[in-house]
């Protein structure tokens, strides 16, 4: 007899023991349309990879979600695309990359808090530059358009183009492409972008031009006031005194400012010039600087004007306006303060200070005035008041008021200097005993004892 299991013959017992495995295997084999495993889910992605394929005008990038199982799912159309450098390449939805400029950029795809990227190298060149100009009254307005190797065009009129004119006497051009008509004839207006140049030829006619500039000067006391008139090709004239650029052929003899005011500084001949629209006119002047009778206050300032000067740095320049040497030992500069109504001594000359005819002496609070070293230190003055140059015996040699209430004054006083005014009150000639006539507010020209005695 064979051994029984639970009272059953051995073959039957073995069949019963194998039955669960047989059923499981059968069920797994039944229904062939049932999936054998789960499909990948984007939410289960563990990373994103990006690949890019180049073309003449750009790149086409694709994005894939990566899974732990090793599978991948394309997510190109649903990813969020960005570029690390939009001046080199931009990217549109769907991974289409457009080349903008040369360089490199990372094209990145983001999906479900995961991202991946790929570096694209871009080499964009300029193939041509086209210049077009639209006429306006007395001018042309030009634009420059660059064509890139990608086929894209870019307006570079004000963003990279370097403008030039073949003849600036006929028509100069500024950095925005605006051309100003100055003369008649042909001129080429060019724009350079990177290494490529484009241009257009303009033919100008009927332009009213300045043919000459006339300069006239009216004599004043130890000065001239000059005027400039532009004469045009159509016979018209225009006063251009304030628009002209004024120069002197010899500033040691006479200086001229931007209003045409000429200050005499020493005797001799000088040419005063006025330039307007590339045309220059001139006039010759015979300057004769004489002597007065005393040492005078020649120039002064109650406010600082140099980069190293404070707002209250003051100075006074004296000049021996006589034809004999003068010993100014013990002479003082006294200042009247409007605020306090009191007078104080700002400077006392040391012993042995002698000024030869025409020579100068500079007293200042700061060590130098616009680079001119002082001869002696003085206390600061006030901004509204007056000052007097007093001899050793107490008599007044010269005085000037810059407040209507000043007890130190000659004739009509000067208005106080405005805050932070970088100019000075400068004597225009010999002393006439009228402050308003004797002084003008002009650019600073301080002189010290080492300066030429021939210059006022």
Protein backbone atom coordinates (compact mmCIF):
# COMPACT_ATOMS: atom_id res chain seq x y z
CA UNK A 1 0.00 0.00 0.00
CA UNK A 2 1.16 3.53 -0.81
CA UNK A 3 1.18 6.17 1.95
CA UNK A 4 -2.09 8.16 2.26
CA UNK A 5 -2.51 11.94 2.97
CA UNK A 6 -5.50 12.60 5.17
CA UNK A 7 -6.70 9.18 4.23
CA UNK A 8 -6.24 9.79 0.46
CA UNK A 9 -3.99 7.96 -1.93
CA UNK A 10 -0.54 9.68 -2.45
CA UNK A 11 -1.20 10.83 -6.13
CA UNK A 12 -4.41 12.57 -5.13
CA UNK A 13 -2.75 14.32 -2.18
CA UNK A 14 0.06 15.71 -4.39
CA UNK A 15 -2.51 17.05 -6.86
CA UNK A 16 -4.31 18.90 -4.09
CA UNK A 17 -1.04 20.44 -2.84
CA UNK A 18 -0.18 21.85 -6.32
CA UNK A 19 -3.63 23.20 -7.05
CA UNK A 20 -3.11 26.85 -5.84
CA UNK A 21 -0.05 27.24 -8.08
CA UNK A 22 -1.93 25.82 -11.03
CA UNK A 23 -4.85 28.23 -10.48
CA UNK A 24 -2.57 31.25 -10.13
CA UNK A 25 -0.70 30.41 -13.29
CA UNK A 26 -3.90 29.91 -15.18
CA UNK A 27 -5.38 33.20 -14.07
CA UNK A 28 -2.24 35.05 -15.10
CA UNK A 29 -2.46 33.48 -18.51
CA UNK A 30 -6.14 34.25 -19.00
CA UNK A 31 -7.29 37.44 -20.76
CA UNK A 32 -4.36 38.42 -23.08
CA UNK A 33 -5.67 42.11 -23.36
CA UNK A 34 -4.97 42.86 -19.69
CA UNK A 35 -1.73 45.03 -19.21
CA UNK A 36 1.21 43.20 -17.72
CA UNK A 37 2.34 46.33 -15.72
CA UNK A 38 1.52 50.09 -15.08
CA UNK A 39 2.22 52.77 -17.78
CA UNK A 40 4.72 55.56 -16.83
CA UNK A 41 3.11 58.57 -15.10
CA UNK A 42 4.63 62.07 -15.46
CA UNK A 43 3.96 62.68 -11.79
CA UNK A 44 6.32 59.85 -11.01
CA UNK A 45 9.18 61.39 -13.04
CA UNK A 46 12.54 61.67 -11.31
CA UNK A 47 14.23 64.06 -13.76
CA UNK A 48 14.06 65.86 -17.11
CA UNK A 49 16.54 65.60 -19.98
CA UNK A 50 16.86 67.99 -22.94
CA UNK A 51 18.37 67.42 -26.38
CA UNK A 52 18.74 70.10 -29.07
CA UNK A 53 19.29 69.75 -32.80
CA UNK A 54 20.82 72.71 -34.69
CA UNK A 55 19.63 74.28 -37.93
CA UNK A 56 20.81 77.34 -39.94
CA UNK A 57 18.39 79.65 -38.13
CA UNK A 58 18.10 78.07 -34.70
CA UNK A 59 17.72 74.88 -32.69
CA UNK A 60 14.84 72.48 -32.08
CA UNK A 61 14.92 71.12 -28.55
CA UNK A 62 13.06 68.17 -27.06
CA UNK A 63 12.37 67.36 -23.41
CA UNK A 64 11.89 63.95 -21.82
CA UNK A 65 10.71 62.95 -18.35
CA UNK A 66 12.99 60.28 -16.87
CA UNK A 67 11.77 57.45 -14.57
CA UNK A 68 13.49 55.25 -12.03
CA UNK A 69 12.60 52.22 -14.13
CA UNK A 70 14.73 53.59 -16.95
CA UNK A 71 11.77 54.59 -19.08
CA UNK A 72 11.20 58.07 -20.60
CA UNK A 73 8.22 60.09 -21.75
CA UNK A 74 8.45 63.03 -24.20
CA UNK A 75 7.08 66.23 -22.63
CA UNK A 76 8.31 68.79 -25.22
CA UNK A 77 4.91 70.40 -25.77
CA UNK A 78 3.95 70.55 -22.09
CA UNK A 79 7.26 71.69 -20.55
CA UNK A 80 7.99 75.31 -19.59
CA UNK A 81 10.95 76.55 -21.69
CA UNK A 82 13.46 79.27 -20.74
CA UNK A 83 16.82 80.62 -21.96
CA UNK A 84 19.67 81.66 -19.66
CA UNK A 85 20.81 84.36 -22.14
CA UNK A 86 18.12 85.93 -24.30
CA UNK A 87 20.69 88.18 -26.00
CA UNK A 88 22.12 84.99 -27.54
CA UNK A 89 19.05 82.77 -27.98
CA UNK A 90 15.34 82.84 -27.18
CA UNK A 91 13.11 79.79 -26.87
CA UNK A 92 9.40 79.51 -27.64
CA UNK A 93 6.82 77.01 -26.32
CA UNK A 94 7.50 73.69 -27.98
CA UNK A 95 11.29 74.09 -27.67
CA UNK A 96 11.90 76.16 -30.81
CA UNK A 97 15.12 78.20 -30.30
CA UNK A 98 15.83 81.40 -32.26
CA UNK A 99 19.41 82.64 -32.59
CA UNK A 100 19.84 86.29 -31.63
CA UNK A 101 23.56 86.88 -31.08
CA UNK A 102 26.84 85.03 -30.84
CA UNK A 103 27.69 83.19 -27.62
CA UNK A 104 26.23 80.37 -25.57
CA UNK A 105 23.01 79.90 -23.64
CA UNK A 106 21.43 77.12 -21.61
CA UNK A 107 18.01 76.09 -22.90
CA UNK A 108 16.07 74.71 -19.95
CA UNK A 109 12.82 72.70 -19.75
CA UNK A 110 10.87 72.59 -16.46
CA UNK A 111 8.12 70.06 -15.72
CA UNK A 112 6.49 68.95 -12.48
CA UNK A 113 9.21 70.57 -10.31
CA UNK A 114 11.98 68.90 -12.31
CA UNK A 115 14.15 70.57 -14.91
CA UNK A 116 16.90 69.76 -17.35
CA UNK A 117 18.91 71.78 -19.81
CA UNK A 118 21.25 71.74 -22.77
CA UNK A 119 23.93 74.26 -23.80
CA UNK A 120 23.59 75.66 -27.31
CA UNK A 121 26.46 77.47 -29.05
CA UNK A 122 25.43 80.28 -31.39
CA UNK A 123 27.51 82.07 -34.02
CA UNK A 124 25.50 84.89 -35.57
CA UNK A 125 27.16 87.23 -38.07
CA UNK A 126 26.03 90.47 -39.70
CA UNK A 127 25.66 90.04 -43.44
CA UNK A 128 24.62 93.59 -44.38
CA UNK A 129 23.60 97.02 -43.05
CA UNK A 130 20.99 99.07 -44.89
CA UNK A 131 20.74 102.84 -44.35
CA UNK A 132 17.63 104.82 -45.30
CA UNK A 133 17.13 108.57 -44.78
CA UNK A 134 13.91 110.61 -44.63
CA UNK A 135 14.17 114.36 -45.38
CA UNK A 136 12.95 116.99 -42.92
CA UNK A 137 13.30 120.77 -42.92
CA UNK A 138 17.03 121.41 -42.84
CA UNK A 139 17.84 117.81 -41.96
CA UNK A 140 17.49 114.10 -42.71
CA UNK A 141 16.53 111.40 -40.22
CA UNK A 142 18.36 108.16 -41.01
CA UNK A 143 17.85 104.60 -39.81
CA UNK A 144 20.17 101.58 -39.94
CA UNK A 145 18.90 98.00 -40.20
CA UNK A 146 21.29 95.03 -39.88
CA UNK A 147 20.55 91.68 -41.52
CA UNK A 148 21.90 88.71 -39.57
CA UNK A 149 23.07 85.35 -40.88
CA UNK A 150 19.94 83.84 -39.39
CA UNK A 151 17.83 85.88 -41.80
CA UNK A 152 16.56 88.08 -38.96
CA UNK A 153 16.71 91.89 -39.34
CA UNK A 154 17.52 94.20 -36.44
CA UNK A 155 17.11 97.99 -36.10
CA UNK A 156 20.51 99.21 -34.85
CA UNK A 157 19.99 102.96 -35.42
CA UNK A 158 20.47 103.84 -31.77
CA UNK A 159 21.70 100.53 -30.39
CA UNK A 160 25.11 99.75 -31.78
CA UNK A 161 25.46 101.65 -35.06
CA UNK A 162 28.37 104.08 -35.36
CA UNK A 163 27.41 106.95 -37.65
CA UNK A 164 29.75 109.00 -39.83
CA UNK A 165 29.61 111.61 -42.57
CA UNK A 166 32.03 111.85 -45.49
CA UNK A 167 31.91 115.67 -45.26
CA UNK A 168 30.87 117.28 -41.98
CA UNK A 169 31.06 120.74 -43.56
CA UNK A 170 28.13 119.76 -45.76
CA UNK A 171 26.19 117.52 -43.39
CA UNK A 172 27.30 116.21 -39.98
CA UNK A 173 25.43 113.27 -38.45
CA UNK A 174 24.91 112.61 -34.74
CA UNK A 175 24.79 109.35 -32.78
CA UNK A 176 21.04 108.97 -33.42
CA UNK A 177 21.35 109.15 -37.21
CA UNK A 178 20.10 112.74 -37.50
CA UNK A 179 21.79 114.64 -40.34
CA UNK A 180 22.00 118.46 -40.23
CA UNK A 181 22.24 120.37 -43.52
CA UNK A 182 25.06 122.89 -43.52
CA UNK A 183 26.03 123.14 -47.18
CA UNK A 184 25.26 122.06 -50.71
CA UNK A 185 26.71 119.05 -52.52
CA UNK A 186 26.96 115.28 -52.14
CA UNK A 187 27.71 113.56 -48.87
CA UNK A 188 27.69 109.91 -47.83
CA UNK A 189 26.08 109.02 -44.53
CA UNK A 190 27.33 105.68 -43.25
CA UNK A 191 26.46 103.38 -40.35
CA UNK A 192 28.86 100.72 -39.07
CA UNK A 193 27.51 97.81 -37.04
CA UNK A 194 30.09 95.36 -35.77
CA UNK A 195 32.42 95.13 -38.79
CA UNK A 196 29.84 95.75 -41.53
CA UNK A 197 29.24 99.19 -43.05
CA UNK A 198 26.25 100.43 -45.00
CA UNK A 199 25.63 103.89 -46.38
CA UNK A 200 23.59 106.19 -48.56
CA UNK A 201 24.58 109.20 -50.66
CA UNK A 202 22.59 112.40 -50.14
CA UNK A 203 22.58 115.26 -52.64
CA UNK A 204 21.81 118.56 -50.91
CA UNK A 205 20.84 121.72 -52.75
CA UNK A 206 19.18 125.00 -51.87
CA UNK A 207 20.70 124.99 -48.39
CA UNK A 208 21.14 128.48 -46.97
CA UNK A 209 24.72 128.60 -45.70
CA UNK A 210 26.79 130.97 -43.60
CA UNK A 211 29.30 132.60 -45.92
CA UNK A 212 31.10 134.85 -43.43
CA UNK A 213 31.08 136.16 -39.88
CA UNK A 214 31.55 139.86 -39.17
CA UNK A 215 33.04 140.97 -35.83
CA UNK A 216 32.73 144.50 -34.44
CA UNK A 217 33.96 145.79 -31.08
CA UNK A 218 32.89 148.87 -29.13
CA UNK A 219 35.57 150.32 -26.82
CA UNK A 220 34.83 150.62 -23.10
CA UNK A 221 37.02 151.68 -20.23
CA UNK A 222 40.01 149.28 -20.39
CA UNK A 223 37.78 146.83 -22.26
CA UNK A 224 35.84 146.16 -25.48
CA UNK A 225 32.40 144.66 -26.03
CA UNK A 226 32.41 142.70 -29.27
CA UNK A 227 29.51 141.42 -31.38
CA UNK A 228 29.31 138.77 -34.13
CA UNK A 229 26.96 138.72 -37.13
CA UNK A 230 26.57 135.72 -39.48
CA UNK A 231 26.12 136.58 -43.17
CA UNK A 232 24.17 133.95 -45.15
CA UNK A 233 24.15 132.91 -48.81
CA UNK A 234 20.62 134.26 -49.31
CA UNK A 235 21.71 137.76 -48.23
CA UNK A 236 20.23 137.55 -44.74
CA UNK A 237 22.13 138.31 -41.54
CA UNK A 238 21.82 136.98 -38.00
CA UNK A 239 23.25 138.19 -34.70
CA UNK A 240 25.22 135.25 -33.27
CA UNK A 241 27.21 136.88 -30.47
CA UNK A 242 25.92 134.45 -27.82
CA UNK A 243 26.14 131.39 -30.13
CA UNK A 244 29.65 132.05 -31.41
CA UNK A 245 32.81 130.56 -29.95
CA UNK A 246 35.13 133.41 -28.94
CA UNK A 247 38.93 133.24 -28.72
CA UNK A 248 41.85 135.63 -28.32
CA UNK A 249 45.10 135.29 -30.21
CA UNK A 250 47.04 136.36 -27.11
CA UNK A 251 45.40 136.04 -23.70
CA UNK A 252 48.31 137.85 -22.06
CA UNK A 253 47.19 140.99 -23.89
CA UNK A 254 43.40 140.50 -23.78
CA UNK A 255 40.95 137.82 -22.78
CA UNK A 256 37.46 137.33 -24.24
CA UNK A 257 34.52 135.48 -22.71
CA UNK A 258 31.52 133.75 -24.27
CA UNK A 259 29.58 137.03 -24.46
CA UNK A 260 32.27 138.77 -26.53
CA UNK A 261 33.48 140.88 -23.60
CA UNK A 262 37.21 141.67 -24.02
CA UNK A 263 39.24 142.53 -20.94
CA UNK A 264 42.51 144.40 -21.50
CA UNK A 265 45.44 142.88 -19.61
CA UNK A 266 48.56 144.41 -21.17
CA UNK A 267 49.54 146.67 -24.05
CA UNK A 268 49.93 145.26 -27.54
CA UNK A 269 48.02 143.97 -30.58
CA UNK A 270 45.56 141.10 -30.38
CA UNK A 271 43.11 139.39 -32.73
CA UNK A 272 39.65 138.59 -31.37
CA UNK A 273 37.91 135.75 -33.23
CA UNK A 274 34.31 134.50 -33.38
CA UNK A 275 33.53 131.08 -34.92
CA UNK A 276 30.01 130.09 -35.98
CA UNK A 277 29.05 127.00 -38.00
CA UNK A 278 32.66 126.36 -39.01
CA UNK A 279 33.08 129.94 -40.26
CA UNK A 280 35.41 132.29 -38.38
CA UNK A 281 35.48 136.07 -38.38
CA UNK A 282 38.00 138.27 -36.59
CA UNK A 283 39.05 141.79 -35.75
CA UNK A 284 42.40 143.25 -34.69
CA UNK A 285 42.61 145.46 -31.63
CA UNK A 286 45.39 147.76 -30.41
CA UNK A 287 45.39 147.49 -26.63
CA UNK A 288 46.96 150.14 -24.43
CA UNK A 289 46.95 149.61 -20.68
CA UNK A 290 48.02 152.63 -18.68
CA UNK A 291 48.71 153.23 -15.01
CA UNK A 292 46.57 154.85 -12.37
CA UNK A 293 47.82 156.49 -9.19
CA UNK A 294 47.67 153.85 -6.44
CA UNK A 295 47.72 150.24 -5.35
CA UNK A 296 44.17 148.94 -5.89
CA UNK A 297 41.95 145.95 -5.25
CA UNK A 298 42.28 144.29 -8.64
CA UNK A 299 40.17 141.13 -8.20
CA UNK A 300 38.33 139.42 -5.33
CA UNK A 301 35.88 136.62 -4.52
CA UNK A 302 33.80 135.92 -1.42
CA UNK A 303 33.01 132.31 -2.33
CA UNK A 304 35.07 129.26 -3.31
CA UNK A 305 35.18 127.95 -6.84
CA UNK A 306 38.03 125.45 -7.05
CA UNK A 307 37.71 121.70 -6.51
CA UNK A 308 39.84 121.98 -3.36
CA UNK A 309 38.21 125.16 -2.06
CA UNK A 310 35.43 125.35 0.49
CA UNK A 311 32.23 127.32 0.02
CA UNK A 312 33.59 130.21 2.12
CA UNK A 313 37.14 130.38 0.79
CA UNK A 314 37.83 134.05 0.02
CA UNK A 315 40.70 135.90 -1.62
CA UNK A 316 41.80 139.38 -2.71
CA UNK A 317 44.35 140.25 -5.40
CA UNK A 318 46.09 143.62 -5.11
CA UNK A 319 47.84 145.41 -7.98
CA UNK A 320 50.20 148.37 -8.04
CA UNK A 321 48.32 150.46 -10.57
CA UNK A 322 50.86 153.28 -10.38
CA UNK A 323 54.10 153.83 -12.31
CA UNK A 324 56.29 153.74 -9.17
CA UNK A 325 57.18 150.99 -6.69
CA UNK A 326 55.07 151.00 -3.50
CA UNK A 327 56.00 149.56 -0.10
CA UNK A 328 52.80 148.05 1.33
CA UNK A 329 54.34 146.90 4.63
CA UNK A 330 51.69 147.15 7.35
CA UNK A 331 48.86 147.79 4.89
CA UNK A 332 45.58 146.08 5.85
CA UNK A 333 42.48 144.66 4.23
CA UNK A 334 39.50 145.54 6.39
CA UNK A 335 36.10 143.88 5.98
CA UNK A 336 32.67 145.19 6.95
CA UNK A 337 30.20 142.44 7.88
CA UNK A 338 26.59 143.24 7.03
CA UNK A 339 25.17 140.65 9.43
CA UNK A 340 26.99 141.99 12.51
CA UNK A 341 27.48 145.55 11.29
CA UNK A 342 31.06 145.38 12.49
CA UNK A 343 34.48 145.75 10.87
CA UNK A 344 37.45 143.42 11.28
CA UNK A 345 40.99 143.15 9.86
CA UNK A 346 41.24 140.18 7.46
CA UNK A 347 44.88 140.74 6.42
CA UNK A 348 47.98 142.74 7.33
CA UNK A 349 50.96 142.86 4.96
CA UNK A 350 54.32 141.92 6.49
CA UNK A 351 57.36 144.15 6.50
CA UNK A 352 59.42 144.56 3.36
CA UNK A 353 56.58 143.88 0.88
CA UNK A 354 57.25 146.13 -2.11
CA UNK A 355 55.18 146.05 -5.31
CA UNK A 356 56.85 147.21 -8.51
CA UNK A 357 54.68 149.03 -11.11
CA UNK A 358 51.98 146.67 -12.44
CA UNK A 359 52.86 143.85 -10.02
CA UNK A 360 50.39 141.80 -7.97
CA UNK A 361 49.95 140.40 -4.46
CA UNK A 362 47.53 137.58 -3.57
CA UNK A 363 46.01 137.21 -0.09
CA UNK A 364 43.80 134.14 0.33
CA UNK A 365 42.37 131.86 2.98
CA UNK A 366 43.18 128.74 0.97
CA UNK A 367 46.78 127.85 0.11
CA UNK A 368 46.10 128.30 -3.59
CA UNK A 369 43.41 129.79 -5.80
CA UNK A 370 42.80 127.64 -8.84
CA UNK A 371 46.43 126.52 -8.80
CA UNK A 372 47.86 130.01 -8.13
CA UNK A 373 49.79 129.98 -4.84
CA UNK A 374 48.86 132.74 -2.39
CA UNK A 375 51.44 135.26 -1.17
CA UNK A 376 49.88 135.53 2.29
CA UNK A 377 47.01 134.14 4.31
CA UNK A 378 43.88 136.17 5.07
CA UNK A 379 40.71 135.55 7.06
CA UNK A 380 37.46 134.75 5.30
CA UNK A 381 35.26 137.66 4.35
CA UNK A 382 31.47 137.72 4.51
CA UNK A 383 29.24 137.18 1.48
CA UNK A 384 27.51 140.55 1.82
CA UNK A 385 29.42 143.63 2.89
CA UNK A 386 32.47 145.54 1.74
CA UNK A 387 36.25 145.71 1.97
CA UNK A 388 38.86 148.41 2.07
CA UNK A 389 42.61 148.53 1.40
CA UNK A 390 44.02 150.72 4.18
CA UNK A 391 47.55 152.20 4.21
CA UNK A 392 49.81 152.01 7.21
CA UNK A 393 48.82 155.56 8.23
CA UNK A 394 45.12 154.60 8.29
CA UNK A 395 44.12 156.31 5.02
CA UNK A 396 42.07 154.32 2.49
CA UNK A 397 43.86 153.47 -0.76
CA UNK A 398 40.89 151.67 -2.37
CA UNK A 399 37.51 150.29 -1.32
CA UNK A 400 34.65 148.32 -2.81
CA UNK A 401 31.14 147.56 -1.55
CA UNK A 402 29.09 144.49 -2.41
CA UNK A 403 26.11 145.50 -0.32
CA UNK A 404 24.10 148.74 -0.66
CA UNK A 405 24.63 149.38 3.08
CA UNK A 406 28.41 149.02 3.01
CA UNK A 407 30.41 151.92 4.50
CA UNK A 408 33.30 150.74 2.27
CA UNK A 409 32.25 151.80 -1.20
CA UNK A 410 33.02 153.99 -4.20
CA UNK A 411 30.00 155.25 -6.15
CA UNK A 412 27.48 152.51 -6.90
CA UNK A 413 28.09 149.24 -5.03
CA UNK A 414 28.18 145.76 -6.56
CA UNK A 415 25.48 143.13 -5.96
CA UNK A 416 26.53 140.31 -3.59
CA UNK A 417 27.88 137.15 -5.26
CA UNK A 418 25.30 134.38 -5.58
CA UNK A 419 25.70 131.14 -3.64
CA UNK A 420 28.43 128.86 -5.01
CA UNK A 421 29.30 131.34 -7.78
CA UNK A 422 32.63 130.25 -9.24
CA UNK A 423 33.40 133.68 -10.75
CA UNK A 424 35.10 136.70 -9.25
CA UNK A 425 34.75 140.47 -9.35
CA UNK A 426 37.51 141.67 -11.68
CA UNK A 427 38.69 145.24 -12.27
CA UNK A 428 38.16 146.23 -15.89
CA UNK A 429 40.58 149.15 -15.94
CA UNK A 430 42.08 151.94 -13.86
CA UNK A 431 40.19 153.13 -10.80
CA UNK A 432 37.34 155.56 -11.62
CA UNK A 433 36.02 155.68 -8.02
CA UNK A 434 32.79 153.92 -9.04
CA UNK A 435 32.55 150.24 -8.09
CA UNK A 436 29.84 149.43 -10.66
CA UNK A 437 31.99 150.86 -13.45
CA UNK A 438 35.31 149.46 -12.29
CA UNK A 439 34.35 145.80 -11.69
CA UNK A 440 32.78 143.04 -13.77
CA UNK A 441 31.78 139.53 -12.68
CA UNK A 442 33.91 137.21 -14.84
CA UNK A 443 35.87 133.97 -14.85
CA UNK A 444 38.68 133.95 -12.28
CA UNK A 445 42.18 135.07 -13.26
CA UNK A 446 44.07 135.41 -9.96
CA UNK A 447 47.68 136.63 -10.07
CA UNK A 448 50.36 136.56 -7.38
CA UNK A 449 53.75 138.24 -6.89
CA UNK A 450 55.32 135.75 -9.31
CA UNK A 451 52.98 136.68 -12.16
CA UNK A 452 53.92 139.03 -14.97
CA UNK A 453 53.71 142.68 -13.99
CA UNK A 454 52.77 143.52 -17.57
CA UNK A 455 49.36 141.81 -17.17
CA UNK A 456 46.48 143.51 -15.42
